Every structure is written in C-alpha cells, then in structure tokens.
Amino acid sequence: MSDFQLDQLVSGKPVKFEKGDKTICVTRIGDEVFAIDDVCTHSEASLSEGDVSDHKIECWLHGAEFDLRTGAALTLPANIAIQTYPVTIVANSVTVEI
C-alpha cells in the first residue's frame, strides 16, 4: 500500500506525515522523492516547516541545512546527520520504507 500518489506531492514543498512510530518529512524534487526524519538534529524543530532548495532542506528555527539525499548536516549549528529512508516509486505510487 502506497503512502502517497506522486502527483499529490508538490515539488519543493515538504510534507510531514506519520508512519508507524516515526514522524517523517517527505520532499519531492522533480520526479525524485526524499524521506528524512522530521526533527532537526540540532533542535526539536520540524523540518517539514523548512525551506527546500536544490537537494537541501533548511531548518526554519536556526538555519541548519541537511542534504535530502544523504542526510548529511551541511551547515552549523547542526553537526549530526539526519536519518534518511528509502523511497520506492512505482507508476504514481510513492512508498516510504521504514
């Protein structure tokens, strides 16, 4: 069972959703979809409220940036990577694998 339909996700607009006991931030960039933990590793801020540019998401609270592809912390004040999750796209169905 899919979590989203690809056409439900707007490119560059993060979406927060619950899957199991996890809160996930899902972001579409073109035809790619990325999934990361929704909570910034620097603070308890929700990354789904942040801004996306290129393949980065910026935490709205203190400006830390993370790579959506790898989870790497790219700028201070964050210095710990964020957890990423595999995403499968089949036809128009998007599934985040926890």
PDB file of N, CA and C in Angstrom:
ATOM      1  N   MET A   1       0.848  -1.189   0.000  1.00  0.00           N
ATOM      2  CA  MET A   1       0.000   0.000   0.000  1.00  0.00           C
ATOM      3  C   MET A   1       0.886   1.242   0.000  1.00  0.00           C
ATOM      4  N   SER A   2       0.633   2.170  -0.891  1.00  0.00           N
ATOM      5  CA  SER A   2       1.472   3.359  -1.001  1.00  0.00           C
ATOM      6  C   SER A   2       1.100   4.394   0.059  1.00  0.00           C
ATOM      7  N   ASP A   3       2.070   5.273   0.345  1.00  0.00           N
ATOM      8  CA  ASP A   3       1.855   6.358   1.296  1.00  0.00           C
ATOM      9  C   ASP A   3       1.285   7.600   0.615  1.00  0.00           C
ATOM     10  N   PHE A   4       1.684   7.815  -0.651  1.00  0.00           N
ATOM     11  CA  PHE A   4       1.265   8.989  -1.415  1.00  0.00           C
ATOM     12  C   PHE A   4       1.124   8.602  -2.873  1.00  0.00           C
ATOM     13  N   GLN A   5       0.428   9.447  -3.609  1.00  0.00           N
ATOM     14  CA  GLN A   5       0.488   9.418  -5.057  1.00  0.00           C
ATOM     15  C   GLN A   5       1.472  10.524  -5.443  1.00  0.00           C
ATOM     16  N   LEU A   6       2.341  10.252  -6.398  1.00  0.00           N
ATOM     17  CA  LEU A   6       3.369  11.209  -6.777  1.00  0.00           C
ATOM     18  C   LEU A   6       2.770  12.576  -7.099  1.00  0.00           C
ATOM     19  N   ASP A   7       1.638  12.595  -7.779  1.00  0.00           N
ATOM     20  CA  ASP A   7       1.041  13.872  -8.160  1.00  0.00           C
ATOM     21  C   ASP A   7       0.399  14.618  -6.979  1.00  0.00           C
ATOM     22  N   GLN A   8       0.366  13.999  -5.790  1.00  0.00           N
ATOM     23  CA  GLN A   8      -0.098  14.702  -4.588  1.00  0.00           C
ATOM     24  C   GLN A   8       1.009  15.554  -3.974  1.00  0.00           C
ATOM     25  N   LEU A   9       2.261  15.266  -4.323  1.00  0.00           N
ATOM     26  CA  LEU A   9       3.396  15.975  -3.750  1.00  0.00           C
ATOM     27  C   LEU A   9       3.822  17.105  -4.678  1.00  0.00           C
ATOM     28  N   VAL A  10       3.949  18.301  -4.119  1.00  0.00           N
ATOM     29  CA  VAL A  10       4.358  19.479  -4.889  1.00  0.00           C
ATOM     30  C   VAL A  10       5.872  19.616  -4.789  1.00  0.00           C
ATOM     31  N   SER A  11       6.539  19.744  -5.917  1.00  0.00           N
ATOM     32  CA  SER A  11       7.993  19.858  -5.933  1.00  0.00           C
ATOM     33  C   SER A  11       8.461  21.034  -5.076  1.00  0.00           C
ATOM     34  N   GLY A  12       9.405  20.755  -4.166  1.00  0.00           N
ATOM     35  CA  GLY A  12       9.972  21.796  -3.315  1.00  0.00           C
ATOM     36  C   GLY A  12       9.171  22.115  -2.070  1.00  0.00           C
ATOM     37  N   LYS A  13       8.053  21.416  -1.843  1.00  0.00           N
ATOM     38  CA  LYS A  13       7.204  21.679  -0.679  1.00  0.00           C
ATOM     39  C   LYS A  13       7.213  20.457   0.236  1.00  0.00           C
ATOM     40  N   PRO A  14       7.926  20.534   1.378  1.00  0.00           N
ATOM     41  CA  PRO A  14       7.978  19.389   2.294  1.00  0.00           C
ATOM     42  C   PRO A  14       6.613  19.073   2.901  1.00  0.00           C
ATOM     43  N   VAL A  15       6.396  17.771   3.183  1.00  0.00           N
ATOM     44  CA  VAL A  15       5.159  17.297   3.781  1.00  0.00           C
ATOM     45  C   VAL A  15       5.520  16.454   4.999  1.00  0.00           C
ATOM     46  N   LYS A  16       4.809  16.667   6.083  1.00  0.00           N
ATOM     47  CA  LYS A  16       5.003  15.901   7.313  1.00  0.00           C
ATOM     48  C   LYS A  16       3.945  14.806   7.381  1.00  0.00           C
ATOM     49  N   PHE A  17       4.388  13.567   7.721  1.00  0.00           N
ATOM     50  CA  PHE A  17       3.392  12.520   7.936  1.00  0.00           C
ATOM     51  C   PHE A  17       3.928  11.483   8.916  1.00  0.00           C
ATOM     52  N   GLU A  18       2.999  10.759   9.499  1.00  0.00           N
ATOM     53  CA  GLU A  18       3.321   9.726  10.485  1.00  0.00           C
ATOM     54  C   GLU A  18       3.297   8.365   9.796  1.00  0.00           C
ATOM     55  N   LYS A  19       4.314   7.563  10.076  1.00  0.00           N
ATOM     56  CA  LYS A  19       4.335   6.184   9.582  1.00  0.00           C
ATOM     57  C   LYS A  19       4.875   5.324  10.711  1.00  0.00           C
ATOM     58  N   GLY A  20       4.027   4.436  11.194  1.00  0.00           N
ATOM     59  CA  GLY A  20       4.400   3.665  12.372  1.00  0.00           C
ATOM     60  C   GLY A  20       4.597   4.623  13.534  1.00  0.00           C
ATOM     61  N   ASP A  21       5.722   4.523  14.201  1.00  0.00           N
ATOM     62  CA  ASP A  21       6.013   5.427  15.316  1.00  0.00           C
ATOM     63  C   ASP A  21       6.939   6.562  14.911  1.00  0.00           C
ATOM     64  N   LYS A  22       7.132   6.764  13.611  1.00  0.00           N
ATOM     65  CA  LYS A  22       8.043   7.792  13.093  1.00  0.00           C
ATOM     66  C   LYS A  22       7.274   8.980  12.524  1.00  0.00           C
ATOM     67  N   THR A  23       7.852  10.168  12.692  1.00  0.00           N
ATOM     68  CA  THR A  23       7.357  11.365  12.019  1.00  0.00           C
ATOM     69  C   THR A  23       8.358  11.667  10.916  1.00  0.00           C
ATOM     70  N   ILE A  24       7.891  11.653   9.691  1.00  0.00           N
ATOM     71  CA  ILE A  24       8.736  11.726   8.503  1.00  0.00           C
ATOM     72  C   ILE A  24       8.462  13.022   7.737  1.00  0.00           C
ATOM     73  N   CYS A  25       9.524  13.573   7.158  1.00  0.00           N
ATOM     74  CA  CYS A  25       9.419  14.709   6.245  1.00  0.00           C
ATOM     75  C   CYS A  25       9.690  14.175   4.839  1.00  0.00           C
ATOM     76  N   VAL A  26       8.715  14.332   3.945  1.00  0.00           N
ATOM     77  CA  VAL A  26       8.841  13.869   2.563  1.00  0.00           C
ATOM     78  C   VAL A  26       8.891  15.091   1.655  1.00  0.00           C
ATOM     79  N   THR A  27       9.855  15.061   0.733  1.00  0.00           N
ATOM     80  CA  THR A  27      10.015  16.189  -0.188  1.00  0.00           C
ATOM     81  C   THR A  27      10.188  15.673  -1.608  1.00  0.00           C
ATOM     82  N   ARG A  28       9.420  16.237  -2.513  1.00  0.00           N
ATOM     83  CA  ARG A  28       9.561  15.916  -3.933  1.00  0.00           C
ATOM     84  C   ARG A  28      10.398  16.998  -4.590  1.00  0.00           C
ATOM     85  N   ILE A  29      11.360  16.548  -5.423  1.00  0.00           N
ATOM     86  CA  ILE A  29      12.138  17.455  -6.258  1.00  0.00           C
ATOM     87  C   ILE A  29      12.085  16.867  -7.664  1.00  0.00           C
ATOM     88  N   GLY A  30      11.319  17.504  -8.518  1.00  0.00           N
ATOM     89  CA  GLY A  30      11.105  16.954  -9.854  1.00  0.00           C
ATOM     90  C   GLY A  30      10.408  15.614  -9.756  1.00  0.00           C
ATOM     91  N   ASP A  31      11.014  14.568 -10.316  1.00  0.00           N
ATOM     92  CA  ASP A  31      10.437  13.225 -10.250  1.00  0.00           C
ATOM     93  C   ASP A  31      11.049  12.381  -9.137  1.00  0.00           C
ATOM     94  N   GLU A  32      11.904  12.996  -8.297  1.00  0.00           N
ATOM     95  CA  GLU A  32      12.517  12.290  -7.174  1.00  0.00           C
ATOM     96  C   GLU A  32      11.775  12.629  -5.890  1.00  0.00           C
ATOM     97  N   VAL A  33      11.740  11.671  -4.963  1.00  0.00           N
ATOM     98  CA  VAL A  33      11.116  11.894  -3.663  1.00  0.00           C
ATOM     99  C   VAL A  33      12.105  11.447  -2.591  1.00  0.00           C
ATOM    100  N   PHE A  34      12.261  12.277  -1.561  1.00  0.00           N
ATOM    101  CA  PHE A  34      13.195  12.013  -0.467  1.00  0.00           C
ATOM    102  C   PHE A  34      12.438  11.978   0.849  1.00  0.00           C
ATOM    103  N   ALA A  35      12.884  11.120   1.764  1.00  0.00           N
ATOM    104  CA  ALA A  35      12.250  10.996   3.078  1.00  0.00           C
ATOM    105  C   ALA A  35      13.327  11.043   4.160  1.00  0.00           C
ATOM    106  N   ILE A  36      13.109  11.898   5.162  1.00  0.00           N
ATOM    107  CA  ILE A  36      14.031  12.051   6.282  1.00  0.00           C
ATOM    108  C   ILE A  36      13.219  12.151   7.570  1.00  0.00           C
ATOM    109  N   ASP A  37      13.898  11.955   8.714  1.00  0.00           N
ATOM    110  CA  ASP A  37      13.232  12.245   9.983  1.00  0.00           C
ATOM    111  C   ASP A  37      12.792  13.698   9.961  1.00  0.00           C
ATOM    112  N   ASP A  38      11.662  13.979  10.586  1.00  0.00           N
ATOM    113  CA  ASP A  38      11.128  15.344  10.553  1.00  0.00           C
ATOM    114  C   ASP A  38      11.754  16.257  11.603  1.00  0.00           C
ATOM    115  N   VAL A  39      12.476  15.713  12.564  1.00  0.00           N
ATOM    116  CA  VAL A  39      13.008  16.530  13.659  1.00  0.00           C
ATOM    117  C   VAL A  39      14.477  16.845  13.426  1.00  0.00           C
ATOM    118  N   CYS A  40      14.816  18.124  13.427  1.00  0.00           N
ATOM    119  CA  CYS A  40      16.189  18.602  13.262  1.00  0.00           C
ATOM    120  C   CYS A  40      17.082  18.007  14.355  1.00  0.00           C
ATOM    121  N   THR A  41      18.301  17.590  13.977  1.00  0.00           N
ATOM    122  CA  THR A  41      19.217  17.014  14.963  1.00  0.00           C
ATOM    123  C   THR A  41      19.835  18.062  15.883  1.00  0.00           C
ATOM    124  N   HIS A  42      19.695  19.330  15.554  1.00  0.00           N
ATOM    125  CA  HIS A  42      20.211  20.396  16.417  1.00  0.00           C
ATOM    126  C   HIS A  42      19.187  20.811  17.462  1.00  0.00           C
ATOM    127  N   SER A  43      17.944  20.870  17.056  1.00  0.00           N
ATOM    128  CA  SER A  43      16.877  21.292  17.961  1.00  0.00           C
ATOM    129  C   SER A  43      15.663  20.415  17.689  1.00  0.00           C
ATOM    130  N   GLU A  44      14.616  20.651  18.374  1.00  0.00           N
ATOM    131  CA  GLU A  44      13.407  19.831  18.201  1.00  0.00           C
ATOM    132  C   GLU A  44      12.465  20.404  17.138  1.00  0.00           C
ATOM    133  N   ALA A  45      12.976  21.184  16.222  1.00  0.00           N
ATOM    134  CA  ALA A  45      12.155  21.840  15.206  1.00  0.00           C
ATOM    135  C   ALA A  45      11.751  20.870  14.099  1.00  0.00           C
ATOM    136  N   SER A  46      10.569  21.059  13.558  1.00  0.00           N
ATOM    137  CA  SER A  46      10.046  20.243  12.465  1.00  0.00           C
ATOM    138  C   SER A  46      10.659  20.693  11.138  1.00  0.00           C
ATOM    139  N   LEU A  47      11.374  19.791  10.481  1.00  0.00           N
ATOM    140  CA  LEU A  47      11.995  20.132   9.200  1.00  0.00           C
ATOM    141  C   LEU A  47      10.978  20.329   8.089  1.00  0.00           C
ATOM    142  N   SER A  48       9.801  19.736   8.219  1.00  0.00           N
ATOM    143  CA  SER A  48       8.784  19.896   7.183  1.00  0.00           C
ATOM    144  C   SER A  48       8.276  21.336   7.097  1.00  0.00           C
ATOM    145  N   GLU A  49       8.622  22.163   8.070  1.00  0.00           N
ATOM    146  CA  GLU A  49       8.273  23.584   8.021  1.00  0.00           C
ATOM    147  C   GLU A  49       9.392  24.419   7.412  1.00  0.00           C
ATOM    148  N   GLY A  50      10.475  23.754   6.992  1.00  0.00           N
ATOM    149  CA  GLY A  50      11.638  24.460   6.448  1.00  0.00           C
ATOM    150  C   GLY A  50      11.534  24.718   4.963  1.00  0.00           C
ATOM    151  N   ASP A  51      12.580  25.346   4.435  1.00  0.00           N
ATOM    152  CA  ASP A  51      12.655  25.686   3.013  1.00  0.00           C
ATOM    153  C   ASP A  51      13.554  24.693   2.289  1.00  0.00           C
ATOM    154  N   VAL A  52      13.175  24.368   1.056  1.00  0.00           N
ATOM    155  CA  VAL A  52      13.930  23.446   0.213  1.00  0.00           C
ATOM    156  C   VAL A  52      14.535  24.213  -0.949  1.00  0.00           C
ATOM    157  N   SER A  53      15.825  23.952  -1.210  1.00  0.00           N
ATOM    158  CA  SER A  53      16.478  24.480  -2.412  1.00  0.00           C
ATOM    159  C   SER A  53      17.490  23.435  -2.863  1.00  0.00           C
ATOM    160  N   ASP A  54      17.549  23.238  -4.170  1.00  0.00           N
ATOM    161  CA  ASP A  54      18.371  22.165  -4.728  1.00  0.00           C
ATOM    162  C   ASP A  54      17.998  20.864  -4.025  1.00  0.00           C
ATOM    163  N   HIS A  55      18.932  20.191  -3.429  1.00  0.00           N
ATOM    164  CA  HIS A  55      18.656  18.951  -2.697  1.00  0.00           C
ATOM    165  C   HIS A  55      18.911  19.148  -1.205  1.00  0.00           C
ATOM    166  N   LYS A  56      18.620  20.359  -0.721  1.00  0.00           N
ATOM    167  CA  LYS A  56      18.840  20.695   0.688  1.00  0.00           C
ATOM    168  C   LYS A  56      17.537  21.157   1.323  1.00  0.00           C
ATOM    169  N   ILE A  57      17.435  20.878   2.636  1.00  0.00           N
ATOM    170  CA  ILE A  57      16.334  21.433   3.410  1.00  0.00           C
ATOM    171  C   ILE A  57      16.941  22.230   4.547  1.00  0.00           C
ATOM    172  N   GLU A  58      16.380  23.422   4.788  1.00  0.00           N
ATOM    173  CA  GLU A  58      16.876  24.307   5.839  1.00  0.00           C
ATOM    174  C   GLU A  58      15.879  24.340   6.990  1.00  0.00           C
ATOM    175  N   CYS A  59      16.380  24.090   8.185  1.00  0.00           N
ATOM    176  CA  CYS A  59      15.544  24.166   9.380  1.00  0.00           C
ATOM    177  C   CYS A  59      15.130  25.618   9.595  1.00  0.00           C
ATOM    178  N   TRP A  60      13.857  25.837   9.802  1.00  0.00           N
ATOM    179  CA  TRP A  60      13.312  27.186   9.948  1.00  0.00           C
ATOM    180  C   TRP A  60      13.755  27.852  11.243  1.00  0.00           C
ATOM    181  N   LEU A  61      14.147  27.070  12.259  1.00  0.00           N
ATOM    182  CA  LEU A  61      14.431  27.654  13.566  1.00  0.00           C
ATOM    183  C   LEU A  61      15.812  28.302  13.661  1.00  0.00           C
ATOM    184  N   HIS A  62      16.869  27.576  13.254  1.00  0.00           N
ATOM    185  CA  HIS A  62      18.225  28.115  13.384  1.00  0.00           C
ATOM    186  C   HIS A  62      19.013  28.098  12.080  1.00  0.00           C
ATOM    187  N   GLY A  63      18.396  27.655  10.985  1.00  0.00           N
ATOM    188  CA  GLY A  63      19.047  27.728   9.678  1.00  0.00           C
ATOM    189  C   GLY A  63      19.972  26.578   9.322  1.00  0.00           C
ATOM    190  N   ALA A  64      20.009  25.527  10.120  1.00  0.00           N
ATOM    191  CA  ALA A  64      20.839  24.366   9.772  1.00  0.00           C
ATOM    192  C   ALA A  64      20.312  23.743   8.481  1.00  0.00           C
ATOM    193  N   GLU A  65      21.223  23.298   7.624  1.00  0.00           N
ATOM    194  CA  GLU A  65      20.836  22.680   6.366  1.00  0.00           C
ATOM    195  C   GLU A  65      21.260  21.216   6.330  1.00  0.00           C
ATOM    196  N   PHE A  66      20.417  20.395   5.691  1.00  0.00           N
ATOM    197  CA  PHE A  66      20.677  18.975   5.547  1.00  0.00           C
ATOM    198  C   PHE A  66      20.524  18.572   4.093  1.00  0.00           C
ATOM    199  N   ASP A  67      21.358  17.623   3.648  1.00  0.00           N
ATOM    200  CA  ASP A  67      21.250  17.067   2.305  1.00  0.00           C
ATOM    201  C   ASP A  67      20.116  16.052   2.300  1.00  0.00           C
ATOM    202  N   LEU A  68      19.127  16.253   1.459  1.00  0.00           N
ATOM    203  CA  LEU A  68      17.979  15.348   1.397  1.00  0.00           C
ATOM    204  C   LEU A  68      18.361  13.956   0.885  1.00  0.00           C
ATOM    205  N   ARG A  69      19.441  13.860   0.102  1.00  0.00           N
ATOM    206  CA  ARG A  69      19.854  12.581  -0.468  1.00  0.00           C
ATOM    207  C   ARG A  69      20.597  11.713   0.542  1.00  0.00           C
ATOM    208  N   THR A  70      21.440  12.338   1.367  1.00  0.00           N
ATOM    209  CA  THR A  70      22.310  11.571   2.270  1.00  0.00           C
ATOM    210  C   THR A  70      21.991  11.777   3.739  1.00  0.00           C
ATOM    211  N   GLY A  71      21.303  12.874   4.065  1.00  0.00           N
ATOM    212  CA  GLY A  71      21.031  13.217   5.453  1.00  0.00           C
ATOM    213  C   GLY A  71      22.148  14.001   6.110  1.00  0.00           C
ATOM    214  N   ALA A  72      23.249  14.232   5.406  1.00  0.00           N
ATOM    215  CA  ALA A  72      24.403  14.929   5.980  1.00  0.00           C
ATOM    216  C   ALA A  72      24.020  16.326   6.466  1.00  0.00           C
ATOM    217  N   ALA A  73      24.548  16.695   7.636  1.00  0.00           N
ATOM    218  CA  ALA A  73      24.400  18.059   8.138  1.00  0.00           C
ATOM    219  C   ALA A  73      25.385  18.923   7.353  1.00  0.00           C
ATOM    220  N   LEU A  74      24.880  19.934   6.665  1.00  0.00           N
ATOM    221  CA  LEU A  74      25.713  20.743   5.773  1.00  0.00           C
ATOM    222  C   LEU A  74      26.182  22.046   6.405  1.00  0.00           C
ATOM    223  N   THR A  75      25.414  22.581   7.354  1.00  0.00           N
ATOM    224  CA  THR A  75      25.783  23.850   7.979  1.00  0.00           C
ATOM    225  C   THR A  75      25.508  23.798   9.477  1.00  0.00           C
ATOM    226  N   LEU A  76      26.287  24.586  10.200  1.00  0.00           N
ATOM    227  CA  LEU A  76      26.046  24.742  11.634  1.00  0.00           C
ATOM    228  C   LEU A  76      24.762  25.533  11.817  1.00  0.00           C
ATOM    229  N   PRO A  77      24.065  25.370  12.893  1.00  0.00           N
ATOM    230  CA  PRO A  77      24.508  24.747  14.124  1.00  0.00           C
ATOM    231  C   PRO A  77      24.366  23.230  14.159  1.00  0.00           C
ATOM    232  N   ALA A  78      23.801  22.600  13.148  1.00  0.00           N
ATOM    233  CA  ALA A  78      23.698  21.131  13.151  1.00  0.00           C
ATOM    234  C   ALA A  78      25.044  20.521  12.774  1.00  0.00           C
ATOM    235  N   ASN A  79      25.417  19.465  13.493  1.00  0.00           N
ATOM    236  CA  ASN A  79      26.634  18.741  13.131  1.00  0.00           C
ATOM    237  C   ASN A  79      26.417  17.224  13.151  1.00  0.00           C
ATOM    238  N   ILE A  80      25.174  16.817  13.289  1.00  0.00           N
ATOM    239  CA  ILE A  80      24.802  15.407  13.273  1.00  0.00           C
ATOM    240  C   ILE A  80      23.844  15.190  12.099  1.00  0.00           C
ATOM    241  N   ALA A  81      24.126  14.164  11.317  1.00  0.00           N
ATOM    242  CA  ALA A  81      23.278  13.849  10.148  1.00  0.00           C
ATOM    243  C   ALA A  81      21.867  13.477  10.580  1.00  0.00           C
ATOM    244  N   ILE A  82      20.946  13.651   9.663  1.00  0.00           N
ATOM    245  CA  ILE A  82      19.539  13.279   9.879  1.00  0.00           C
ATOM    246  C   ILE A  82      19.310  11.904   9.247  1.00  0.00           C
ATOM    247  N   GLN A  83      18.434  11.119   9.834  1.00  0.00           N
ATOM    248  CA  GLN A  83      18.113   9.785   9.299  1.00  0.00           C
ATOM    249  C   GLN A  83      17.349   9.915   7.982  1.00  0.00           C
ATOM    250  N   THR A  84      17.778   9.176   6.977  1.00  0.00           N
ATOM    251  CA  THR A  84      17.057   9.122   5.702  1.00  0.00           C
ATOM    252  C   THR A  84      16.363   7.769   5.577  1.00  0.00           C
ATOM    253  N   TYR A  85      15.353   7.704   4.719  1.00  0.00           N
ATOM    254  CA  TYR A  85      14.598   6.470   4.493  1.00  0.00           C
ATOM    255  C   TYR A  85      14.472   6.225   3.004  1.00  0.00           C
ATOM    256  N   PRO A  86      14.573   4.966   2.587  1.00  0.00           N
ATOM    257  CA  PRO A  86      14.401   4.644   1.163  1.00  0.00           C
ATOM    258  C   PRO A  86      12.976   4.947   0.703  1.00  0.00           C
ATOM    259  N   VAL A  87      12.877   5.413  -0.526  1.00  0.00           N
ATOM    260  CA  VAL A  87      11.588   5.717  -1.133  1.00  0.00           C
ATOM    261  C   VAL A  87      11.469   4.901  -2.416  1.00  0.00           C
ATOM    262  N   THR A  88      10.333   4.258  -2.588  1.00  0.00           N
ATOM    263  CA  THR A  88      10.060   3.486  -3.802  1.00  0.00           C
ATOM    264  C   THR A  88       8.930   4.176  -4.552  1.00  0.00           C
ATOM    265  N   ILE A  89       9.144   4.363  -5.849  1.00  0.00           N
ATOM    266  CA  ILE A  89       8.099   4.941  -6.706  1.00  0.00           C
ATOM    267  C   ILE A  89       7.797   3.926  -7.792  1.00  0.00           C
ATOM    268  N   VAL A  90       6.551   3.471  -7.831  1.00  0.00           N
ATOM    269  CA  VAL A  90       6.090   2.546  -8.869  1.00  0.00           C
ATOM    270  C   VAL A  90       4.863   3.178  -9.499  1.00  0.00           C
ATOM    271  N   ALA A  91       4.980   3.418 -10.803  1.00  0.00           N
ATOM    272  CA  ALA A  91       3.934   4.164 -11.512  1.00  0.00           C
ATOM    273  C   ALA A  91       3.767   5.497 -10.801  1.00  0.00           C
ATOM    274  N   ASN A  92       2.626   5.752 -10.202  1.00  0.00           N
ATOM    275  CA  ASN A  92       2.373   7.020  -9.492  1.00  0.00           C
ATOM    276  C   ASN A  92       2.385   6.833  -7.975  1.00  0.00           C
ATOM    277  N   SER A  93       2.662   5.610  -7.512  1.00  0.00           N
ATOM    278  CA  SER A  93       2.588   5.299  -6.081  1.00  0.00           C
ATOM    279  C   SER A  93       3.946   5.468  -5.405  1.00  0.00           C
ATOM    280  N   VAL A  94       3.945   6.225  -4.298  1.00  0.00           N
ATOM    281  CA  VAL A  94       5.156   6.506  -3.540  1.00  0.00           C
ATOM    282  C   VAL A  94       5.044   5.819  -2.182  1.00  0.00           C
ATOM    283  N   THR A  95       6.072   5.029  -1.835  1.00  0.00           N
ATOM    284  CA  THR A  95       6.106   4.345  -0.553  1.00  0.00           C
ATOM    285  C   THR A  95       7.418   4.661   0.150  1.00  0.00           C
ATOM    286  N   VAL A  96       7.324   5.085   1.425  1.00  0.00           N
ATOM    287  CA  VAL A  96       8.499   5.308   2.258  1.00  0.00           C
ATOM    288  C   VAL A  96       8.716   4.032   3.058  1.00  0.00           C
ATOM    289  N   GLU A  97       9.943   3.517   2.991  1.00  0.00           N
ATOM    290  CA  GLU A  97      10.268   2.266   3.670  1.00  0.00           C
ATOM    291  C   GLU A  97      10.953   2.563   4.996  1.00  0.00           C
ATOM    292  N   ILE A  98      10.308   2.143   6.070  1.00  0.00           N
ATOM    293  CA  ILE A  98      10.843   2.366   7.422  1.00  0.00           C
ATOM    294  C   ILE A  98      11.560   1.103   7.870  1.00  0.00           C
TER     295      ILE A  98
END
